[in-house]
Amino acid sequence: MTTEPNPTVAPTADMDVSTAVQSLYLSLDPATRPTLSVDETALVLGIGRASAYEGGRRGEIPSIRIGRLLRVPTAALVRMLSGNA
């Protein structure tokens, strides 16, 4: 089943990986998605979940901690990916 990427919809479990990644790339608008989960960030960066958590812990991936929850600010991730970190 192929689903067209929708910039306003977060990836879901029924999407294939490439569609989920395309959807995430299109939704990297800080105005509509102020933060991403670590799992979503891992998909965007093409790395594993554990590596994304480790990168957040080390400060290599911009992140904020809210209690036990680790979130990645979309604006900071876009700056990092564009080389303007």
N, C-alpha and C. Protein backbone atom coordinates (compact mmCIF):
# COMPACT_ATOMS: atom_id res chain seq x y z
N MET A 1 0.84 -1.17 0.00
CA MET A 1 0.00 0.00 0.00
C MET A 1 0.89 1.24 0.00
N THR A 2 0.74 2.09 -0.96
CA THR A 2 1.52 3.30 -1.05
C THR A 2 0.65 4.49 -0.68
N THR A 3 1.15 5.31 0.21
CA THR A 3 0.43 6.48 0.66
C THR A 3 1.23 7.71 0.29
N GLU A 4 0.60 8.70 -0.28
CA GLU A 4 1.28 9.94 -0.62
C GLU A 4 1.65 10.68 0.66
N PRO A 5 2.84 11.27 0.73
CA PRO A 5 3.23 12.03 1.92
C PRO A 5 2.29 13.21 2.14
N ASN A 6 1.94 13.43 3.37
CA ASN A 6 1.09 14.54 3.74
C ASN A 6 1.82 15.34 4.81
N PRO A 7 2.17 16.58 4.53
CA PRO A 7 2.99 17.35 5.46
C PRO A 7 2.33 17.65 6.79
N THR A 8 1.02 17.44 6.92
CA THR A 8 0.35 17.73 8.17
C THR A 8 0.10 16.49 9.00
N VAL A 9 0.50 15.33 8.50
CA VAL A 9 0.24 14.08 9.20
C VAL A 9 1.55 13.44 9.62
N ALA A 10 1.64 13.05 10.87
CA ALA A 10 2.82 12.35 11.36
C ALA A 10 2.82 10.93 10.82
N PRO A 11 3.99 10.34 10.66
CA PRO A 11 4.07 8.97 10.17
C PRO A 11 3.29 8.02 11.09
N THR A 12 2.70 7.01 10.50
CA THR A 12 1.94 6.03 11.26
C THR A 12 2.52 4.65 11.03
N ALA A 13 2.10 3.69 11.83
CA ALA A 13 2.63 2.34 11.76
C ALA A 13 2.30 1.65 10.44
N ASP A 14 1.22 2.06 9.77
CA ASP A 14 0.85 1.39 8.52
C ASP A 14 1.57 1.94 7.30
N MET A 15 2.39 2.99 7.46
CA MET A 15 3.16 3.53 6.35
C MET A 15 4.44 2.72 6.17
N ASP A 16 4.90 2.56 4.93
CA ASP A 16 6.21 1.94 4.75
C ASP A 16 7.27 2.98 5.12
N VAL A 17 8.48 2.52 5.34
CA VAL A 17 9.54 3.40 5.87
C VAL A 17 9.81 4.58 4.94
N SER A 18 9.90 4.36 3.63
CA SER A 18 10.22 5.47 2.73
C SER A 18 9.11 6.51 2.73
N THR A 19 7.87 6.09 2.82
CA THR A 19 6.76 7.04 2.88
C THR A 19 6.79 7.81 4.19
N ALA A 20 7.12 7.12 5.28
CA ALA A 20 7.21 7.78 6.58
C ALA A 20 8.31 8.83 6.57
N VAL A 21 9.46 8.50 5.99
CA VAL A 21 10.57 9.46 5.93
C VAL A 21 10.19 10.65 5.06
N GLN A 22 9.57 10.41 3.92
CA GLN A 22 9.13 11.51 3.06
C GLN A 22 8.15 12.41 3.80
N SER A 23 7.23 11.81 4.53
CA SER A 23 6.26 12.58 5.30
C SER A 23 6.96 13.43 6.36
N LEU A 24 7.97 12.86 7.01
CA LEU A 24 8.71 13.63 8.01
C LEU A 24 9.48 14.78 7.40
N TYR A 25 10.15 14.54 6.26
CA TYR A 25 10.86 15.63 5.59
C TYR A 25 9.93 16.77 5.26
N LEU A 26 8.74 16.44 4.78
CA LEU A 26 7.78 17.48 4.42
C LEU A 26 7.20 18.18 5.64
N SER A 27 7.26 17.52 6.79
CA SER A 27 6.66 18.12 7.99
C SER A 27 7.69 18.79 8.88
N LEU A 28 8.88 19.06 8.37
CA LEU A 28 9.91 19.72 9.18
C LEU A 28 9.71 21.23 9.23
N ASP A 29 8.48 21.63 9.44
CA ASP A 29 8.14 23.05 9.56
C ASP A 29 7.92 23.34 11.04
N PRO A 30 8.80 24.13 11.65
CA PRO A 30 8.67 24.41 13.08
C PRO A 30 7.33 25.02 13.47
N ALA A 31 6.66 25.68 12.54
CA ALA A 31 5.38 26.29 12.86
C ALA A 31 4.29 25.24 13.08
N THR A 32 4.39 24.13 12.34
CA THR A 32 3.36 23.09 12.48
C THR A 32 3.83 21.93 13.34
N ARG A 33 5.13 21.68 13.41
CA ARG A 33 5.69 20.60 14.23
C ARG A 33 6.83 21.17 15.05
N PRO A 34 6.57 21.78 16.19
CA PRO A 34 7.64 22.40 16.97
C PRO A 34 8.70 21.41 17.45
N THR A 35 8.31 20.17 17.70
CA THR A 35 9.28 19.16 18.13
C THR A 35 9.00 17.84 17.43
N LEU A 36 10.02 17.00 17.40
CA LEU A 36 9.91 15.65 16.87
C LEU A 36 10.30 14.68 17.97
N SER A 37 9.76 13.48 17.89
CA SER A 37 10.20 12.44 18.82
C SER A 37 11.60 11.98 18.40
N VAL A 38 12.27 11.28 19.28
CA VAL A 38 13.59 10.76 18.94
C VAL A 38 13.47 9.72 17.83
N ASP A 39 12.40 8.93 17.83
CA ASP A 39 12.19 7.95 16.77
C ASP A 39 12.02 8.63 15.41
N GLU A 40 11.25 9.72 15.36
CA GLU A 40 11.07 10.47 14.12
C GLU A 40 12.39 11.08 13.67
N THR A 41 13.16 11.60 14.62
CA THR A 41 14.45 12.19 14.30
C THR A 41 15.39 11.14 13.73
N ALA A 42 15.37 9.95 14.31
CA ALA A 42 16.21 8.85 13.81
C ALA A 42 15.86 8.54 12.36
N LEU A 43 14.57 8.52 12.02
CA LEU A 43 14.16 8.27 10.63
C LEU A 43 14.69 9.35 9.70
N VAL A 44 14.54 10.61 10.12
CA VAL A 44 15.00 11.73 9.28
C VAL A 44 16.50 11.64 9.05
N LEU A 45 17.25 11.31 10.08
CA LEU A 45 18.70 11.27 9.99
C LEU A 45 19.23 9.96 9.40
N GLY A 46 18.37 8.97 9.31
CA GLY A 46 18.80 7.68 8.77
C GLY A 46 19.69 6.91 9.72
N ILE A 47 19.44 7.07 11.02
CA ILE A 47 20.21 6.36 12.04
C ILE A 47 19.25 5.55 12.90
N GLY A 48 19.80 4.71 13.74
CA GLY A 48 18.99 3.91 14.63
C GLY A 48 18.48 4.70 15.81
N ARG A 49 17.46 4.15 16.45
CA ARG A 49 16.84 4.78 17.61
C ARG A 49 17.86 4.97 18.74
N ALA A 50 18.64 3.94 19.03
CA ALA A 50 19.63 4.03 20.11
C ALA A 50 20.67 5.10 19.81
N SER A 51 21.10 5.19 18.55
CA SER A 51 22.08 6.22 18.16
C SER A 51 21.49 7.61 18.31
N ALA A 52 20.21 7.76 18.00
CA ALA A 52 19.56 9.07 18.14
C ALA A 52 19.47 9.47 19.61
N TYR A 53 19.10 8.53 20.48
CA TYR A 53 19.07 8.84 21.91
C TYR A 53 20.47 9.18 22.42
N GLU A 54 21.47 8.43 21.99
CA GLU A 54 22.84 8.70 22.41
C GLU A 54 23.30 10.07 21.91
N GLY A 55 22.97 10.40 20.66
CA GLY A 55 23.32 11.71 20.12
C GLY A 55 22.66 12.84 20.89
N GLY A 56 21.42 12.64 21.30
CA GLY A 56 20.74 13.64 22.11
C GLY A 56 21.38 13.78 23.49
N ARG A 57 21.75 12.65 24.08
CA ARG A 57 22.39 12.67 25.39
C ARG A 57 23.74 13.37 25.35
N ARG A 58 24.48 13.14 24.27
CA ARG A 58 25.82 13.75 24.12
C ARG A 58 25.77 15.20 23.66
N GLY A 59 24.63 15.66 23.20
CA GLY A 59 24.54 17.02 22.68
C GLY A 59 24.84 17.12 21.19
N GLU A 60 25.01 15.98 20.52
CA GLU A 60 25.28 15.98 19.08
C GLU A 60 24.01 16.23 18.27
N ILE A 61 22.88 15.90 18.84
CA ILE A 61 21.57 16.18 18.25
C ILE A 61 20.87 17.13 19.21
N PRO A 62 20.39 18.28 18.72
CA PRO A 62 19.73 19.23 19.62
C PRO A 62 18.50 18.56 20.24
N SER A 63 18.37 18.68 21.55
CA SER A 63 17.23 18.05 22.21
C SER A 63 16.89 18.79 23.49
N ILE A 64 15.66 18.57 23.93
CA ILE A 64 15.21 19.08 25.22
C ILE A 64 14.60 17.92 25.98
N ARG A 65 14.81 17.92 27.26
CA ARG A 65 14.26 16.87 28.11
C ARG A 65 13.12 17.47 28.93
N ILE A 66 11.99 16.79 28.90
CA ILE A 66 10.83 17.17 29.69
C ILE A 66 10.51 15.95 30.55
N GLY A 67 10.96 16.00 31.80
CA GLY A 67 10.86 14.82 32.65
C GLY A 67 11.72 13.72 32.05
N ARG A 68 11.10 12.58 31.73
CA ARG A 68 11.83 11.48 31.10
C ARG A 68 11.75 11.53 29.58
N LEU A 69 10.94 12.44 29.05
CA LEU A 69 10.71 12.54 27.61
C LEU A 69 11.81 13.37 26.95
N LEU A 70 12.38 12.85 25.87
CA LEU A 70 13.38 13.58 25.10
C LEU A 70 12.76 13.97 23.77
N ARG A 71 12.74 15.26 23.48
CA ARG A 71 12.17 15.77 22.23
C ARG A 71 13.25 16.56 21.49
N VAL A 72 13.11 16.62 20.16
CA VAL A 72 14.07 17.33 19.32
C VAL A 72 13.36 18.53 18.70
N PRO A 73 13.80 19.75 19.02
CA PRO A 73 13.18 20.94 18.41
C PRO A 73 13.39 20.93 16.90
N THR A 74 12.31 21.05 16.17
CA THR A 74 12.37 20.98 14.71
C THR A 74 13.26 22.08 14.13
N ALA A 75 13.12 23.29 14.63
CA ALA A 75 13.92 24.42 14.10
C ALA A 75 15.41 24.16 14.28
N ALA A 76 15.81 23.63 15.43
CA ALA A 76 17.23 23.34 15.68
C ALA A 76 17.71 22.21 14.77
N LEU A 77 16.87 21.20 14.56
CA LEU A 77 17.25 20.10 13.67
C LEU A 77 17.43 20.59 12.23
N VAL A 78 16.52 21.44 11.76
CA VAL A 78 16.62 21.97 10.40
C VAL A 78 17.90 22.80 10.27
N ARG A 79 18.22 23.62 11.29
CA ARG A 79 19.47 24.41 11.26
C ARG A 79 20.67 23.49 11.21
N MET A 80 20.65 22.42 12.01
CA MET A 80 21.76 21.49 12.03
C MET A 80 21.95 20.83 10.66
N LEU A 81 20.86 20.42 10.05
CA LEU A 81 20.93 19.75 8.75
C LEU A 81 21.35 20.70 7.63
N SER A 82 21.06 21.98 7.78
CA SER A 82 21.44 22.94 6.75
C SER A 82 22.86 23.47 6.95
N GLY A 83 23.50 23.04 8.04
CA GLY A 83 24.87 23.47 8.30
C GLY A 83 24.96 24.79 9.04
N ASN A 84 23.84 25.28 9.53
CA ASN A 84 23.82 26.56 10.25
C ASN A 84 23.62 26.37 11.74
N ALA A 85 24.09 25.26 12.26
CA ALA A 85 23.90 24.97 13.69
C ALA A 85 24.77 25.90 14.48
